[in-house]
C-alpha atoms as a PDB file:
ATOM      1  CA  MET A   1    -104.604   3.182  -4.106  1.00  0.00           C
ATOM      2  CA  LYS A   2    -103.023   0.452  -3.005  1.00  0.00           C
ATOM      3  CA  GLN A   3     -99.654   1.128  -0.182  1.00  0.00           C
ATOM      4  CA  ALA A   4     -96.188  -0.660  -0.537  1.00  0.00           C
ATOM      5  CA  SER A   5     -95.980  -2.971   2.681  1.00  0.00           C
ATOM      6  CA  ALA A   6     -92.284  -2.035   4.408  1.00  0.00           C
ATOM      7  CA  THR A   7     -89.412  -5.011   4.338  1.00  0.00           C
ATOM      8  CA  PHE A   8     -87.368  -5.376   6.762  1.00  0.00           C
ATOM      9  CA  LEU A   9     -84.570  -3.403   5.128  1.00  0.00           C
ATOM     10  CA  ASP A  10     -86.790  -0.300   4.913  1.00  0.00           C
ATOM     11  CA  SER A  11     -84.244   2.563   6.023  1.00  0.00           C
ATOM     12  CA  PRO A  12     -80.168   2.119   5.442  1.00  0.00           C
ATOM     13  CA  ARG A  13     -80.279   2.278   9.656  1.00  0.00           C
ATOM     14  CA  LYS A  14     -81.003  -0.958   8.961  1.00  0.00           C
ATOM     15  CA  ARG A  15     -79.214  -1.979   6.234  1.00  0.00           C
ATOM     16  CA  TYR A  16     -76.007  -1.516   7.846  1.00  0.00           C
ATOM     17  CA  ALA A  17     -76.795  -3.367  10.438  1.00  0.00           C
ATOM     18  CA  PHE A  18     -78.064  -6.400   8.470  1.00  0.00           C
ATOM     19  CA  LEU A  19     -74.772  -6.264   6.664  1.00  0.00           C
ATOM     20  CA  ALA A  20     -73.054  -5.826   9.234  1.00  0.00           C
ATOM     21  CA  LEU A  21     -73.827  -8.831  11.378  1.00  0.00           C
ATOM     22  CA  LEU A  22     -73.799 -10.601   8.441  1.00  0.00           C
ATOM     23  CA  LEU A  23     -70.357 -10.025   8.344  1.00  0.00           C
ATOM     24  CA  VAL A  24     -69.719 -10.856  11.444  1.00  0.00           C
ATOM     25  CA  GLY A  25     -72.085 -14.318  11.419  1.00  0.00           C
ATOM     26  CA  ALA A  26     -69.480 -14.851   8.251  1.00  0.00           C
ATOM     27  CA  THR A  27     -66.026 -14.013  10.524  1.00  0.00           C
ATOM     28  CA  LEU A  28     -67.469 -16.568  12.433  1.00  0.00           C
ATOM     29  CA  VAL A  29     -68.832 -18.925  10.456  1.00  0.00           C
ATOM     30  CA  SER A  30     -64.888 -19.459   8.722  1.00  0.00           C
ATOM     31  CA  THR A  31     -63.691 -20.375  11.323  1.00  0.00           C
ATOM     32  CA  ASP A  32     -61.200 -23.232   9.265  1.00  0.00           C
ATOM     33  CA  GLY A  33     -58.741 -20.296   8.205  1.00  0.00           C
ATOM     34  CA  TRP A  34     -57.537 -19.673  12.285  1.00  0.00           C
ATOM     35  CA  ALA A  35     -56.113 -22.788  11.899  1.00  0.00           C
ATOM     36  CA  GLN A  36     -54.284 -22.919   9.109  1.00  0.00           C
ATOM     37  CA  VAL A  37     -52.058 -19.520  10.974  1.00  0.00           C
ATOM     38  CA  GLY A  38     -48.704 -22.484  10.849  1.00  0.00           C
ATOM     39  CA  THR A  39     -49.329 -22.288   6.884  1.00  0.00           C
ATOM     40  CA  ALA A  40     -49.410 -18.275   6.403  1.00  0.00           C
ATOM     41  CA  SER A  41     -45.844 -17.910   8.153  1.00  0.00           C
ATOM     42  CA  ALA A  42     -44.611 -20.726   6.199  1.00  0.00           C
ATOM     43  CA  ALA A  43     -46.348 -19.350   2.723  1.00  0.00           C
ATOM     44  CA  LEU A  44     -45.001 -15.742   4.082  1.00  0.00           C
ATOM     45  CA  GLU A  45     -41.001 -16.851   4.696  1.00  0.00           C
ATOM     46  CA  LYS A  46     -41.391 -18.271   0.879  1.00  0.00           C
ATOM     47  CA  ALA A  47     -42.804 -15.773  -0.226  1.00  0.00           C
ATOM     48  CA  SER A  48     -40.274 -13.693   1.265  1.00  0.00           C
ATOM     49  CA  THR A  49     -37.048 -15.469  -0.574  1.00  0.00           C
ATOM     50  CA  ASP A  50     -38.869 -15.141  -3.949  1.00  0.00           C
ATOM     51  CA  ILE A  51     -38.752 -12.086  -3.528  1.00  0.00           C
ATOM     52  CA  GLY A  52     -35.054 -11.711  -2.806  1.00  0.00           C
ATOM     53  CA  GLY A  53     -33.163 -13.055  -5.008  1.00  0.00           C
ATOM     54  CA  MET A  54     -35.067 -10.007  -7.398  1.00  0.00           C
ATOM     55  CA  TRP A  55     -35.816  -7.442  -4.715  1.00  0.00           C
ATOM     56  CA  LYS A  56     -32.515  -4.858  -5.912  1.00  0.00           C
ATOM     57  CA  THR A  57     -34.497  -3.941  -9.621  1.00  0.00           C
ATOM     58  CA  LEU A  58     -37.580  -4.484  -8.214  1.00  0.00           C
ATOM     59  CA  LYS A  59     -36.578  -1.447  -6.071  1.00  0.00           C
ATOM     60  CA  THR A  60     -34.725   0.324  -9.209  1.00  0.00           C
ATOM     61  CA  ILE A  61     -38.046   0.247 -11.172  1.00  0.00           C
ATOM     62  CA  ILE A  62     -40.577   1.597  -8.766  1.00  0.00           C
ATOM     63  CA  LEU A  63     -38.171   3.958  -8.115  1.00  0.00           C
ATOM     64  CA  ILE A  64     -38.144   4.907 -11.570  1.00  0.00           C
ATOM     65  CA  VAL A  65     -42.003   4.892 -12.117  1.00  0.00           C
ATOM     66  CA  MET A  66     -42.177   7.209  -9.319  1.00  0.00           C
ATOM     67  CA  GLY A  67     -39.376   9.358 -10.678  1.00  0.00           C
ATOM     68  CA  ILE A  68     -41.318   9.482 -14.037  1.00  0.00           C
ATOM     69  CA  MET A  69     -44.421  10.327 -11.999  1.00  0.00           C
ATOM     70  CA  GLY A  70     -43.271  12.810 -10.508  1.00  0.00           C
ATOM     71  CA  MET A  71     -41.776  14.804 -13.660  1.00  0.00           C
ATOM     72  CA  ILE A  72     -45.693  14.033 -14.995  1.00  0.00           C
ATOM     73  CA  GLY A  73     -47.131  15.804 -11.647  1.00  0.00           C
ATOM     74  CA  ALA A  74     -45.357  18.596 -12.178  1.00  0.00           C
ATOM     75  CA  ALA A  75     -45.689  19.337 -15.615  1.00  0.00           C
ATOM     76  CA  SER A  76     -48.898  19.235 -14.834  1.00  0.00           C
ATOM     77  CA  CYS A  77     -49.006  21.684 -11.842  1.00  0.00           C
ATOM     78  CA  TYR A  78     -47.422  23.396 -13.698  1.00  0.00           C
ATOM     79  CA  SER A  79     -49.978  24.242 -16.513  1.00  0.00           C
ATOM     80  CA  LYS A  80     -52.028  24.617 -13.966  1.00  0.00           C
ATOM     81  CA  TRP A  81     -50.222  27.261 -12.408  1.00  0.00           C
ATOM     82  CA  SER A  82     -49.199  28.595 -15.214  1.00  0.00           C
ATOM     83  CA  ASN A  83     -53.120  28.597 -16.480  1.00  0.00           C
ATOM     84  CA  GLY A  84     -54.261  29.793 -13.420  1.00  0.00           C
ATOM     85  CA  ASP A  85     -56.624  27.244 -11.996  1.00  0.00           C
ATOM     86  CA  PRO A  86     -57.158  28.119  -8.845  1.00  0.00           C
ATOM     87  CA  ASP A  87     -57.570  24.158  -7.347  1.00  0.00           C
ATOM     88  CA  THR A  88     -53.408  23.503  -8.165  1.00  0.00           C
ATOM     89  CA  ARG A  89     -53.051  22.943  -4.559  1.00  0.00           C
ATOM     90  CA  LYS A  90     -55.345  19.725  -4.566  1.00  0.00           C
ATOM     91  CA  ALA A  91     -53.228  18.535  -8.292  1.00  0.00           C
ATOM     92  CA  VAL A  92     -49.729  19.085  -5.859  1.00  0.00           C
ATOM     93  CA  ALA A  93     -51.266  17.521  -3.393  1.00  0.00           C
ATOM     94  CA  SER A  94     -52.512  14.586  -4.879  1.00  0.00           C
ATOM     95  CA  TRP A  95     -49.004  13.661  -6.649  1.00  0.00           C
ATOM     96  CA  VAL A  96     -47.302  14.506  -3.258  1.00  0.00           C
ATOM     97  CA  GLY A  97     -49.537  11.639  -1.902  1.00  0.00           C
ATOM     98  CA  ALA A  98     -49.547   9.809  -4.701  1.00  0.00           C
ATOM     99  CA  LEU A  99     -45.605   9.898  -4.567  1.00  0.00           C
ATOM    100  CA  ILE A 100     -44.989   8.994  -1.407  1.00  0.00           C
ATOM    101  CA  PHE A 101     -47.852   6.487  -0.440  1.00  0.00           C
ATOM    102  CA  ALA A 102     -45.568   4.798  -3.514  1.00  0.00           C
ATOM    103  CA  GLY A 103     -42.621   4.843  -1.491  1.00  0.00           C
ATOM    104  CA  VAL A 104     -44.942   3.781   1.629  1.00  0.00           C
ATOM    105  CA  VAL A 105     -45.868   1.405  -0.405  1.00  0.00           C
ATOM    106  CA  VAL A 106     -41.466   0.134  -0.576  1.00  0.00           C
ATOM    107  CA  ALA A 107     -40.828   1.099   2.961  1.00  0.00           C
ATOM    108  CA  MET A 108     -43.170  -1.986   3.955  1.00  0.00           C
ATOM    109  CA  LEU A 109     -42.725  -4.138   1.542  1.00  0.00           C
ATOM    110  CA  GLU A 110     -38.638  -4.154   2.664  1.00  0.00           C
ATOM    111  CA  SER A 111     -40.261  -3.750   6.357  1.00  0.00           C
ATOM    112  CA  VAL A 112     -42.403  -7.418   5.690  1.00  0.00           C
ATOM    113  CA  PHE A 113     -40.220  -8.786   3.287  1.00  0.00           C
ATOM    114  CA  ASN A 114     -36.764  -8.375   5.650  1.00  0.00           C
ATOM    115  CA  LEU A 115     -35.601  -7.914   2.656  1.00  0.00           C
ATOM    116  CA  ARG A 116     -32.203  -4.615   2.609  1.00  0.00           C
END
């Protein structure tokens, strides 16, 4: 019986090293992106003015969705708790984490785009 020959990427360690090297090479090759800092700044200013006009409405919608998520999460966790499910803590933690994440997104958008 003939054994298969070993390839260059036969171990996971070599594959990860190769992918990291490939990523670094691709980053170095794409140096055109570094020269467009002014364009990115202008695009951020334009996005800020576009979002600023509708921010209060968008923030209200996000907060309403967060409230609905909270009610669904509370009902789901109560159902698990009343049925004696052992991973109720995980469910509570995941729902609370989702709501915290949504709140942080709102705060980050206000911070990044200078909205108030």
